[in-house]
Amino acid sequence: MINGFITFFGTNDLERTHDFYTEILGLKILKDQGVCKIYKIIDNGSIGFCEHIEPTIKEKSPIITFICSSVDEKYNALKDKGVCCS
C-alpha cells in the first residue's frame, strides 16, 4: 500500500526556489537535506527540489499544477507579489 508521495524536480538555484515556495506560495518546508528541500503540499503529498537533478527547461518541461478552491483569489495574490502569471 502506498501512503504518500514526493515528486522531485531539479533546480539551478535552490535558495531562490525555496523563497518562492515558502514566501510566495506559503508552503512549509518538510525536510532540508542540503542539496534538496522538500515541501509539504497536502497530508501525504510533497514536492522536492534538488540541485543535483538537472532542471528540464525545454519544449516539454514538466508542469506543476496546484489545485485550490479559489483560483481567482490565488491568481491575484500571486500577481500582487510580482509573479508573472501568463
N, C-alpha and C. Protein backbone atom coordinates (compact mmCIF):
# COMPACT_ATOMS: atom_id res chain seq x y z
N MET A 1 0.84 -1.17 0.00
CA MET A 1 0.00 0.00 0.00
C MET A 1 0.89 1.24 0.00
N ILE A 2 0.56 2.21 -0.83
CA ILE A 2 1.28 3.48 -0.88
C ILE A 2 0.60 4.45 0.08
N ASN A 3 1.41 5.10 0.92
CA ASN A 3 0.87 6.01 1.94
C ASN A 3 1.11 7.48 1.64
N GLY A 4 1.84 7.78 0.59
CA GLY A 4 2.13 9.17 0.26
C GLY A 4 3.06 9.25 -0.92
N PHE A 5 3.46 10.47 -1.28
CA PHE A 5 4.39 10.62 -2.40
C PHE A 5 5.17 11.93 -2.28
N ILE A 6 6.34 11.92 -2.91
CA ILE A 6 7.15 13.11 -3.09
C ILE A 6 7.59 13.10 -4.56
N THR A 7 7.38 14.19 -5.24
CA THR A 7 7.87 14.35 -6.60
C THR A 7 9.04 15.32 -6.55
N PHE A 8 10.17 14.93 -7.17
CA PHE A 8 11.36 15.76 -7.15
C PHE A 8 11.60 16.39 -8.52
N PHE A 9 12.06 17.64 -8.48
CA PHE A 9 12.42 18.40 -9.67
C PHE A 9 13.80 18.99 -9.46
N GLY A 10 14.48 19.26 -10.56
CA GLY A 10 15.79 19.89 -10.48
C GLY A 10 15.67 21.40 -10.43
N THR A 11 16.69 22.04 -9.86
CA THR A 11 16.77 23.50 -9.83
C THR A 11 18.22 23.92 -9.90
N ASN A 12 18.45 25.06 -10.53
CA ASN A 12 19.79 25.64 -10.57
C ASN A 12 20.02 26.61 -9.42
N ASP A 13 18.94 26.97 -8.72
CA ASP A 13 19.04 27.95 -7.63
C ASP A 13 18.12 27.52 -6.50
N LEU A 14 18.63 26.70 -5.61
CA LEU A 14 17.81 26.12 -4.54
C LEU A 14 17.26 27.19 -3.61
N GLU A 15 18.04 28.22 -3.30
CA GLU A 15 17.57 29.26 -2.38
C GLU A 15 16.46 30.11 -3.00
N ARG A 16 16.59 30.41 -4.28
CA ARG A 16 15.54 31.17 -4.96
C ARG A 16 14.26 30.33 -5.04
N THR A 17 14.42 29.05 -5.34
CA THR A 17 13.28 28.13 -5.37
C THR A 17 12.64 28.06 -3.98
N HIS A 18 13.46 27.96 -2.96
CA HIS A 18 12.97 27.91 -1.57
C HIS A 18 12.16 29.17 -1.24
N ASP A 19 12.71 30.34 -1.59
CA ASP A 19 12.00 31.59 -1.32
C ASP A 19 10.64 31.62 -2.01
N PHE A 20 10.59 31.16 -3.27
CA PHE A 20 9.32 31.16 -4.00
C PHE A 20 8.30 30.25 -3.32
N TYR A 21 8.70 29.03 -2.98
CA TYR A 21 7.73 28.07 -2.43
C TYR A 21 7.33 28.38 -0.99
N THR A 22 8.21 29.04 -0.24
CA THR A 22 7.84 29.40 1.15
C THR A 22 7.23 30.79 1.24
N GLU A 23 7.89 31.78 0.65
CA GLU A 23 7.44 33.16 0.79
C GLU A 23 6.25 33.50 -0.12
N ILE A 24 6.28 33.03 -1.35
CA ILE A 24 5.21 33.36 -2.30
C ILE A 24 4.03 32.40 -2.19
N LEU A 25 4.31 31.09 -2.21
CA LEU A 25 3.22 30.11 -2.15
C LEU A 25 2.82 29.75 -0.72
N GLY A 26 3.68 30.01 0.24
CA GLY A 26 3.34 29.74 1.64
C GLY A 26 3.46 28.29 2.06
N LEU A 27 4.23 27.48 1.30
CA LEU A 27 4.40 26.09 1.69
C LEU A 27 5.38 25.98 2.86
N LYS A 28 5.20 24.98 3.66
CA LYS A 28 6.09 24.70 4.79
C LYS A 28 7.15 23.70 4.36
N ILE A 29 8.38 23.94 4.80
CA ILE A 29 9.44 23.00 4.47
C ILE A 29 9.30 21.78 5.37
N LEU A 30 9.35 20.62 4.74
CA LEU A 30 9.22 19.36 5.45
C LEU A 30 10.59 18.82 5.84
N LYS A 31 11.56 18.98 4.93
CA LYS A 31 12.90 18.48 5.19
C LYS A 31 13.91 19.24 4.34
N ASP A 32 14.98 19.67 4.98
CA ASP A 32 16.09 20.31 4.28
C ASP A 32 17.26 19.33 4.29
N GLN A 33 17.60 18.82 3.13
CA GLN A 33 18.67 17.85 3.01
C GLN A 33 19.96 18.48 2.48
N GLY A 34 20.04 19.78 2.51
CA GLY A 34 21.22 20.46 1.98
C GLY A 34 21.11 20.73 0.50
N VAL A 35 21.28 19.70 -0.31
CA VAL A 35 21.17 19.86 -1.77
C VAL A 35 19.74 19.64 -2.27
N CYS A 36 18.85 19.22 -1.39
CA CYS A 36 17.43 19.05 -1.70
C CYS A 36 16.59 19.65 -0.58
N LYS A 37 15.46 20.21 -0.96
CA LYS A 37 14.49 20.69 0.03
C LYS A 37 13.14 20.13 -0.36
N ILE A 38 12.40 19.65 0.64
CA ILE A 38 11.10 19.02 0.43
C ILE A 38 10.04 19.86 1.13
N TYR A 39 8.94 20.13 0.43
CA TYR A 39 7.85 20.97 0.93
C TYR A 39 6.56 20.16 1.00
N LYS A 40 5.85 20.36 2.08
CA LYS A 40 4.56 19.68 2.26
C LYS A 40 3.50 20.43 1.45
N ILE A 41 2.75 19.67 0.67
CA ILE A 41 1.66 20.26 -0.10
C ILE A 41 0.32 19.87 0.53
N ILE A 42 0.12 18.58 0.72
CA ILE A 42 -1.08 18.06 1.38
C ILE A 42 -0.63 17.00 2.37
N ASP A 43 -1.54 16.41 3.11
CA ASP A 43 -1.19 15.48 4.18
C ASP A 43 -0.09 14.49 3.81
N ASN A 44 -0.23 13.77 2.75
CA ASN A 44 0.76 12.76 2.37
C ASN A 44 1.37 13.00 1.00
N GLY A 45 1.38 14.26 0.60
CA GLY A 45 1.95 14.62 -0.70
C GLY A 45 2.91 15.78 -0.56
N SER A 46 4.08 15.61 -1.15
CA SER A 46 5.12 16.63 -1.04
C SER A 46 5.78 16.86 -2.39
N ILE A 47 6.51 17.97 -2.47
CA ILE A 47 7.28 18.30 -3.66
C ILE A 47 8.69 18.63 -3.20
N GLY A 48 9.67 18.17 -3.96
CA GLY A 48 11.05 18.42 -3.60
C GLY A 48 11.82 19.01 -4.77
N PHE A 49 12.83 19.81 -4.43
CA PHE A 49 13.70 20.41 -5.43
C PHE A 49 15.14 20.12 -5.04
N CYS A 50 15.93 19.72 -6.02
CA CYS A 50 17.32 19.31 -5.77
C CYS A 50 18.26 19.98 -6.75
N GLU A 51 19.45 20.32 -6.24
CA GLU A 51 20.48 20.91 -7.08
C GLU A 51 21.18 19.87 -7.94
N HIS A 52 21.20 18.62 -7.51
CA HIS A 52 21.93 17.60 -8.28
C HIS A 52 21.08 16.95 -9.38
N ILE A 53 19.82 17.35 -9.49
CA ILE A 53 18.96 16.91 -10.59
C ILE A 53 18.94 18.05 -11.61
N GLU A 54 19.23 17.73 -12.85
CA GLU A 54 19.24 18.76 -13.88
C GLU A 54 17.82 19.24 -14.17
N PRO A 55 17.61 20.56 -14.12
CA PRO A 55 16.27 21.08 -14.45
C PRO A 55 15.94 20.80 -15.90
N THR A 56 14.68 20.56 -16.17
CA THR A 56 14.21 20.36 -17.53
C THR A 56 13.60 21.68 -17.98
N ILE A 57 14.31 22.37 -18.84
CA ILE A 57 13.81 23.64 -19.36
C ILE A 57 13.86 23.54 -20.87
N LYS A 58 12.88 22.86 -21.40
CA LYS A 58 12.82 22.63 -22.83
C LYS A 58 11.37 22.70 -23.27
N GLU A 59 11.17 22.33 -24.49
CA GLU A 59 9.84 22.39 -25.08
C GLU A 59 8.79 21.60 -24.29
N LYS A 60 9.19 20.49 -23.70
CA LYS A 60 8.24 19.64 -23.00
C LYS A 60 8.63 19.50 -21.53
N SER A 61 8.87 20.61 -20.87
CA SER A 61 9.22 20.60 -19.45
C SER A 61 8.03 20.13 -18.62
N PRO A 62 8.30 19.59 -17.43
CA PRO A 62 7.18 19.22 -16.55
C PRO A 62 6.37 20.44 -16.15
N ILE A 63 5.13 20.23 -15.88
CA ILE A 63 4.24 21.29 -15.41
C ILE A 63 3.78 20.91 -14.01
N ILE A 64 3.91 21.86 -13.08
CA ILE A 64 3.45 21.65 -11.71
C ILE A 64 2.13 22.39 -11.57
N THR A 65 1.08 21.68 -11.18
CA THR A 65 -0.25 22.27 -11.03
C THR A 65 -0.73 22.07 -9.60
N PHE A 66 -1.06 23.18 -8.94
CA PHE A 66 -1.65 23.12 -7.60
C PHE A 66 -3.14 23.41 -7.74
N ILE A 67 -3.95 22.65 -7.08
CA ILE A 67 -5.41 22.82 -7.15
C ILE A 67 -5.87 23.51 -5.86
N CYS A 68 -6.62 24.59 -6.04
CA CYS A 68 -7.13 25.32 -4.86
C CYS A 68 -8.58 25.70 -5.10
N SER A 69 -9.27 26.02 -4.03
CA SER A 69 -10.71 26.30 -4.13
C SER A 69 -11.01 27.68 -4.71
N SER A 70 -10.13 28.64 -4.52
CA SER A 70 -10.39 30.00 -5.02
C SER A 70 -9.27 30.42 -5.97
N VAL A 71 -9.38 29.97 -7.20
CA VAL A 71 -8.34 30.20 -8.20
C VAL A 71 -8.12 31.69 -8.46
N ASP A 72 -9.19 32.44 -8.62
CA ASP A 72 -9.05 33.88 -8.91
C ASP A 72 -8.34 34.61 -7.77
N GLU A 73 -8.68 34.27 -6.55
CA GLU A 73 -8.05 34.89 -5.38
C GLU A 73 -6.56 34.57 -5.34
N LYS A 74 -6.21 33.32 -5.57
CA LYS A 74 -4.80 32.90 -5.56
C LYS A 74 -4.05 33.56 -6.72
N TYR A 75 -4.66 33.61 -7.87
CA TYR A 75 -4.06 34.25 -9.04
C TYR A 75 -3.74 35.71 -8.74
N ASN A 76 -4.70 36.43 -8.19
CA ASN A 76 -4.50 37.85 -7.87
C ASN A 76 -3.44 38.03 -6.78
N ALA A 77 -3.40 37.13 -5.80
CA ALA A 77 -2.39 37.22 -4.75
C ALA A 77 -1.00 37.00 -5.32
N LEU A 78 -0.86 36.07 -6.25
CA LEU A 78 0.43 35.84 -6.90
C LEU A 78 0.86 37.05 -7.73
N LYS A 79 -0.07 37.63 -8.48
CA LYS A 79 0.24 38.82 -9.27
C LYS A 79 0.65 39.96 -8.36
N ASP A 80 -0.03 40.13 -7.22
CA ASP A 80 0.30 41.19 -6.26
C ASP A 80 1.71 41.03 -5.70
N LYS A 81 2.20 39.80 -5.68
CA LYS A 81 3.56 39.53 -5.18
C LYS A 81 4.59 39.59 -6.30
N GLY A 82 4.15 39.97 -7.51
CA GLY A 82 5.09 40.15 -8.62
C GLY A 82 5.35 38.91 -9.45
N VAL A 83 4.56 37.86 -9.25
CA VAL A 83 4.74 36.64 -10.03
C VAL A 83 4.10 36.81 -11.39
N CYS A 84 4.82 36.46 -12.43
CA CYS A 84 4.30 36.51 -13.80
C CYS A 84 3.35 35.34 -14.00
N CYS A 85 2.09 35.61 -14.22
CA CYS A 85 1.08 34.57 -14.37
C CYS A 85 0.49 34.63 -15.77
N SER A 86 1.21 34.11 -16.72
CA SER A 86 0.66 34.14 -18.08
C SER A 86 0.50 32.76 -18.62
